[in-house]
């Protein structure tokens, strides 16, 4: 069982600090890879650290699990934290999230869908992103686009 799930069982809905990684991944057309989560909302591939794992290792593992793609190099774009990352989820779990956002420099493999974690994974042009992007991920994407001057 994942660490955060073990802790959640012990503390109920109380505040839990979570640390994770998300990845900006562009194809050769300059399109952004997004994952449609089981909630129907879109976001960036990524997830929470396992015990003993680095932020980079978590990013690489999560992208592989969620998309089938293998990342060979990452660039840290920014670490997001602070009061804007304190959430109460629909199930009343309270979380405070610290997220490192990376850009994948190189990747390989075939895009595949893990139906236990996603409804869809696909590339989108920046001017045609889906409307149903979770707020947190939109912040990360906007930051990246701002860095690119878009």
Protein backbone atom coordinates (compact mmCIF):
# COMPACT_ATOMS: atom_id res chain seq x y z
CA UNK A 1 0.00 0.00 0.00
CA UNK A 2 1.23 3.49 -0.83
CA UNK A 3 2.63 5.46 2.10
CA UNK A 4 0.11 8.31 1.96
CA UNK A 5 -2.77 5.80 2.02
CA UNK A 6 -1.31 4.14 5.14
CA UNK A 7 -1.03 7.51 6.88
CA UNK A 8 -4.50 8.57 5.73
CA UNK A 9 -5.96 5.45 7.38
CA UNK A 10 -4.40 6.55 10.67
CA UNK A 11 -5.34 10.24 10.60
CA UNK A 12 -8.70 10.21 8.83
CA UNK A 13 -9.47 13.49 7.06
CA UNK A 14 -6.90 15.55 9.04
CA UNK A 15 -4.27 17.63 7.24
CA UNK A 16 -1.63 15.59 5.42
CA UNK A 17 1.44 17.07 3.72
CA UNK A 18 2.15 15.45 0.36
CA UNK A 19 5.21 15.78 -1.87
CA UNK A 20 5.11 14.93 -5.55
CA UNK A 21 6.30 15.56 -9.07
CA UNK A 22 4.58 16.44 -12.32
CA UNK A 23 6.03 16.48 -15.80
CA UNK A 24 5.64 18.77 -18.80
CA UNK A 25 6.20 16.60 -21.85
CA UNK A 26 6.06 17.94 -25.41
CA UNK A 27 6.08 15.91 -28.59
CA UNK A 28 8.02 16.90 -31.72
CA UNK A 29 5.05 19.05 -32.83
CA UNK A 30 5.29 21.13 -29.65
CA UNK A 31 2.08 19.64 -28.22
CA UNK A 32 1.65 19.06 -24.49
CA UNK A 33 0.87 15.63 -23.04
CA UNK A 34 -2.11 15.58 -20.68
CA UNK A 35 -3.72 12.80 -18.69
CA UNK A 36 -7.48 12.62 -18.15
CA UNK A 37 -7.84 11.35 -14.60
CA UNK A 38 -10.62 9.07 -13.43
CA UNK A 39 -12.50 12.16 -12.21
CA UNK A 40 -12.77 13.32 -15.83
CA UNK A 41 -10.47 16.29 -15.20
CA UNK A 42 -7.25 16.71 -17.17
CA UNK A 43 -3.81 17.20 -15.70
CA UNK A 44 -0.13 16.56 -16.13
CA UNK A 45 1.33 13.11 -15.62
CA UNK A 46 2.92 12.68 -12.22
CA UNK A 47 2.21 11.70 -8.67
CA UNK A 48 3.42 11.33 -5.12
CA UNK A 49 6.80 10.21 -3.83
CA UNK A 50 7.26 6.76 -2.38
CA UNK A 51 9.47 6.39 0.70
CA UNK A 52 13.15 6.57 -0.25
CA UNK A 53 12.45 7.95 -3.72
CA UNK A 54 13.78 11.22 -5.16
CA UNK A 55 11.55 13.77 -6.85
CA UNK A 56 13.12 12.85 -10.19
CA UNK A 57 12.61 9.12 -9.63
CA UNK A 58 8.95 9.74 -8.77
CA UNK A 59 8.48 11.79 -11.94
CA UNK A 60 10.07 9.10 -14.12
CA UNK A 61 8.11 6.28 -12.45
CA UNK A 62 4.76 8.06 -12.62
CA UNK A 63 5.15 9.03 -16.28
CA UNK A 64 6.00 5.41 -17.13
CA UNK A 65 3.02 4.07 -15.13
CA UNK A 66 0.52 6.58 -16.47
CA UNK A 67 1.63 6.94 -20.10
CA UNK A 68 3.97 4.06 -20.98
CA UNK A 69 6.67 6.58 -21.94
CA UNK A 70 10.23 6.44 -20.60
CA UNK A 71 11.94 9.70 -19.68
CA UNK A 72 15.70 9.86 -20.10
CA UNK A 73 16.37 13.39 -18.82
CA UNK A 74 14.52 15.98 -16.75
CA UNK A 75 14.88 19.72 -16.16
CA UNK A 76 13.45 21.20 -12.95
CA UNK A 77 11.17 24.10 -13.86
CA UNK A 78 9.85 25.16 -10.46
CA UNK A 79 8.74 23.87 -7.06
CA UNK A 80 5.24 24.97 -6.07
CA UNK A 81 4.20 25.33 -2.42
CA UNK A 82 2.50 27.76 -0.08
CA UNK A 83 -1.05 28.61 0.98
CA UNK A 84 -2.43 28.21 -2.55
CA UNK A 85 -1.60 24.49 -2.33
CA UNK A 86 -3.71 23.73 0.74
CA UNK A 87 -6.82 21.85 -0.39
CA UNK A 88 -9.85 20.09 0.99
CA UNK A 89 -10.82 17.29 -1.39
CA UNK A 90 -14.43 16.33 -2.20
CA UNK A 91 -14.13 13.39 0.27
CA UNK A 92 -13.11 15.96 2.97
CA UNK A 93 -9.45 14.86 3.10
CA UNK A 94 -7.31 17.92 3.84
CA UNK A 95 -3.95 18.13 2.06
CA UNK A 96 -1.03 20.50 1.68
CA UNK A 97 0.89 19.78 -1.50
CA UNK A 98 4.51 20.50 -2.43
CA UNK A 99 5.08 19.78 -6.12
CA UNK A 100 8.21 19.82 -8.24
CA UNK A 101 7.38 20.41 -11.91
CA UNK A 102 9.84 19.12 -14.46
CA UNK A 103 10.18 19.32 -18.21
CA UNK A 104 11.05 16.07 -19.95
CA UNK A 105 14.05 16.75 -22.19
CA UNK A 106 13.91 13.39 -23.95
CA UNK A 107 11.51 10.47 -23.92
CA UNK A 108 10.91 7.22 -25.77
CA UNK A 109 8.31 4.50 -26.06
CA UNK A 110 4.71 4.18 -27.14
CA UNK A 111 1.93 6.17 -25.53
CA UNK A 112 -0.29 3.66 -23.68
CA UNK A 113 -3.24 4.04 -21.35
CA UNK A 114 -3.38 2.53 -17.84
CA UNK A 115 -7.14 2.35 -17.25
CA UNK A 116 -6.64 2.00 -13.47
CA UNK A 117 -5.32 5.59 -13.36
CA UNK A 118 -6.59 7.34 -16.49
CA UNK A 119 -9.48 7.71 -18.87
CA UNK A 120 -7.24 9.10 -21.60
CA UNK A 121 -3.73 10.35 -22.33
CA UNK A 122 -3.03 12.49 -25.36
CA UNK A 123 -1.11 15.42 -26.76
CA UNK A 124 -2.76 18.84 -27.19
CA UNK A 125 -1.70 21.98 -29.01
CA UNK A 126 -1.26 24.90 -26.58
CA UNK A 127 -4.11 26.79 -28.23
CA UNK A 128 -6.45 23.77 -27.99
CA UNK A 129 -6.08 22.56 -24.39
CA UNK A 130 -9.20 20.99 -22.89
CA UNK A 131 -11.35 23.21 -20.66
CA UNK A 132 -11.56 20.65 -17.86
CA UNK A 133 -7.97 21.05 -16.59
CA UNK A 134 -7.71 20.95 -12.79
CA UNK A 135 -6.76 24.37 -11.38
CA UNK A 136 -3.48 23.15 -9.87
CA UNK A 137 -2.27 21.76 -13.21
CA UNK A 138 -3.37 24.87 -15.07
CA UNK A 139 -1.07 26.89 -12.78
CA UNK A 140 1.85 24.63 -13.71
CA UNK A 141 1.06 24.85 -17.44
CA UNK A 142 0.66 28.64 -17.29
CA UNK A 143 4.01 28.92 -15.50
CA UNK A 144 5.67 26.85 -18.22
CA UNK A 145 4.05 28.78 -21.06
CA UNK A 146 5.13 32.02 -19.39
CA UNK A 147 8.71 30.75 -19.27
CA UNK A 148 8.46 30.04 -23.01
CA UNK A 149 7.10 33.53 -23.64
CA UNK A 150 3.70 32.26 -24.80
